[in-house]
Amino acid sequence: MSETLSAIELAASGMRAQAVRLRHISENIANADTPGYRRKVVAFEEQVDFGRRTGAVTAGPTRFDRRELPQIYDPAHPMADENGYYAGSNVDLIIEIADSKEAGRSYEANLRVFEQSRQMSGALLDLIRR
């Protein structure tokens, strides 16, 4: 029974981590045209319990993409400098859409593992009751 609960816990940790990733991706997409906005990136970290790896994951600290911000020429823009340039956003919508699809599929895979483990636990309890 502990392996089943462990599988449920692992799948739930994966879903939580992917939910955080999807939230950051949606913030990136929403701010793709915001001047000076830096893309947010999240990395996953494996959970450790008393020095023992559990296999569960958590979303690590949020980092900003350190790529240089593109300089956009628009002398009429209120944030333009004396040369007519302002710092754009380093968000690439194609990358964000691909990342969102990957995160969504990973979330769905973890959800299937969660559901299968829950069904197996229910079937085991039914067998025990008989």
Protein backbone atom coordinates (compact mmCIF):
# COMPACT_ATOMS: atom_id res chain seq x y z
CA MET A 1 0.00 0.00 0.00
CA SER A 2 2.86 2.40 0.70
CA GLU A 3 4.08 2.14 -2.92
CA THR A 4 0.64 3.22 -4.12
CA LEU A 5 0.55 6.17 -1.75
CA SER A 6 4.09 6.97 -2.79
CA ALA A 7 3.05 6.99 -6.45
CA ILE A 8 0.15 9.32 -5.60
CA GLU A 9 2.50 11.66 -3.70
CA LEU A 10 5.03 11.65 -6.54
CA ALA A 11 2.38 12.39 -9.15
CA ALA A 12 0.94 15.17 -6.99
CA SER A 13 4.37 16.76 -6.58
CA GLY A 14 4.84 16.67 -10.34
CA MET A 15 1.45 18.30 -10.89
CA ARG A 16 2.26 21.05 -8.37
CA ALA A 17 5.62 21.73 -10.02
CA GLN A 18 4.11 21.87 -13.51
CA ALA A 19 1.35 24.18 -12.25
CA VAL A 20 4.01 26.62 -11.03
CA ARG A 21 5.77 26.34 -14.38
CA LEU A 22 2.52 27.02 -16.26
CA ARG A 23 1.85 30.07 -14.08
CA HIS A 24 5.26 31.53 -14.96
CA ILE A 25 4.74 30.76 -18.65
CA SER A 26 1.38 32.55 -18.61
CA GLU A 27 3.00 35.57 -16.90
CA ASN A 28 5.68 35.58 -19.59
CA ILE A 29 3.10 35.48 -22.38
CA ALA A 30 1.04 38.23 -20.75
CA ASN A 31 4.12 40.47 -20.51
CA ALA A 32 5.66 39.68 -23.90
CA ASP A 33 5.16 43.28 -25.07
CA THR A 34 6.04 44.96 -21.75
CA PRO A 35 9.19 47.07 -22.13
CA GLY A 36 12.04 45.89 -19.91
CA TYR A 37 10.32 42.62 -18.92
CA ARG A 38 12.63 39.65 -18.37
CA ARG A 39 11.38 36.13 -18.98
CA LYS A 40 10.82 34.09 -15.80
CA VAL A 41 12.27 30.59 -15.70
CA VAL A 42 11.66 27.89 -13.11
CA ALA A 43 13.83 24.83 -12.56
CA PHE A 44 12.74 21.70 -10.75
CA GLU A 45 14.54 20.35 -7.71
CA GLU A 46 14.33 16.86 -6.30
CA GLN A 47 13.03 16.68 -2.74
CA VAL A 48 15.34 15.21 -0.15
CA ASP A 49 14.05 13.81 3.14
CA PHE A 50 16.76 13.42 5.80
CA GLY A 51 19.43 13.02 3.13
CA ARG A 52 17.41 10.43 1.21
CA ARG A 53 16.04 11.20 -2.23
CA THR A 54 12.29 10.86 -2.33
CA GLY A 55 11.79 11.11 -6.10
CA ALA A 56 9.32 13.96 -5.63
CA VAL A 57 10.00 17.31 -7.24
CA THR A 58 9.40 20.91 -6.29
CA ALA A 59 9.62 24.07 -8.29
CA GLY A 60 12.89 25.76 -7.41
CA PRO A 61 13.38 29.47 -7.05
CA THR A 62 12.22 31.65 -9.91
CA ARG A 63 15.06 32.99 -12.00
CA PHE A 64 15.10 35.62 -14.68
CA ASP A 65 16.42 34.95 -18.17
CA ARG A 66 19.68 36.90 -18.26
CA ARG A 67 19.73 37.27 -22.04
CA GLU A 68 20.18 40.83 -23.16
CA LEU A 69 16.97 42.76 -23.74
CA PRO A 70 16.45 43.74 -27.37
CA GLN A 71 16.83 47.43 -28.15
CA ILE A 72 13.83 48.69 -30.09
CA TYR A 73 13.97 51.86 -32.14
CA ASP A 74 10.90 54.04 -31.63
CA PRO A 75 11.67 57.71 -30.95
CA ALA A 76 7.98 58.37 -30.17
CA HIS A 77 7.87 55.81 -27.33
CA PRO A 78 7.70 57.44 -23.87
CA MET A 79 10.52 55.18 -22.58
CA ALA A 80 12.88 55.90 -25.49
CA ASP A 81 16.29 57.33 -24.67
CA GLU A 82 17.91 60.29 -26.42
CA ASN A 83 18.81 58.02 -29.38
CA GLY A 84 15.23 56.77 -29.78
CA TYR A 85 15.78 53.26 -28.36
CA TYR A 86 14.10 51.48 -25.47
CA ALA A 87 14.60 48.03 -23.93
CA GLY A 88 12.04 45.51 -25.13
CA SER A 89 11.12 42.15 -23.62
CA ASN A 90 13.21 38.99 -24.04
CA VAL A 91 10.12 36.76 -24.17
CA ASP A 92 9.88 34.62 -27.31
CA LEU A 93 6.26 33.59 -27.80
CA ILE A 94 7.16 30.48 -29.81
CA ILE A 95 9.32 29.18 -26.96
CA GLU A 96 6.64 30.01 -24.41
CA ILE A 97 3.94 28.20 -26.39
CA ALA A 98 6.18 25.14 -26.80
CA ASP A 99 7.00 25.20 -23.08
CA SER A 100 3.31 25.48 -22.19
CA LYS A 101 2.46 22.45 -24.34
CA GLU A 102 5.27 20.46 -22.72
CA ALA A 103 4.20 21.49 -19.21
CA GLY A 104 0.55 20.69 -19.98
CA ARG A 105 1.41 17.24 -21.27
CA SER A 106 3.60 16.54 -18.27
CA TYR A 107 0.78 17.66 -15.98
CA GLU A 108 -1.64 15.33 -17.79
CA ALA A 109 0.80 12.41 -17.52
CA ASN A 110 1.13 12.98 -13.78
CA LEU A 111 -2.65 13.20 -13.53
CA ARG A 112 -3.00 9.82 -15.26
CA VAL A 113 -0.51 8.26 -12.83
CA PHE A 114 -2.45 9.81 -9.95
CA GLU A 115 -5.76 8.44 -11.23
CA GLN A 116 -4.34 4.97 -11.92
CA SER A 117 -2.83 4.80 -8.44
CA ARG A 118 -6.09 5.92 -6.88
CA GLN A 119 -8.01 3.28 -8.83
CA MET A 120 -5.53 0.59 -7.82
CA SER A 121 -5.89 1.62 -4.17
CA GLY A 122 -9.65 1.40 -4.47
CA ALA A 123 -9.45 -2.04 -6.10
CA LEU A 124 -7.11 -3.23 -3.35
CA LEU A 125 -9.50 -2.03 -0.66
CA ASP A 126 -12.35 -3.84 -2.43
CA LEU A 127 -10.31 -7.06 -2.41
CA ILE A 128 -9.49 -6.68 1.27
CA ARG A 129 -13.17 -6.14 2.15
CA ARG A 130 -14.22 -9.40 0.49
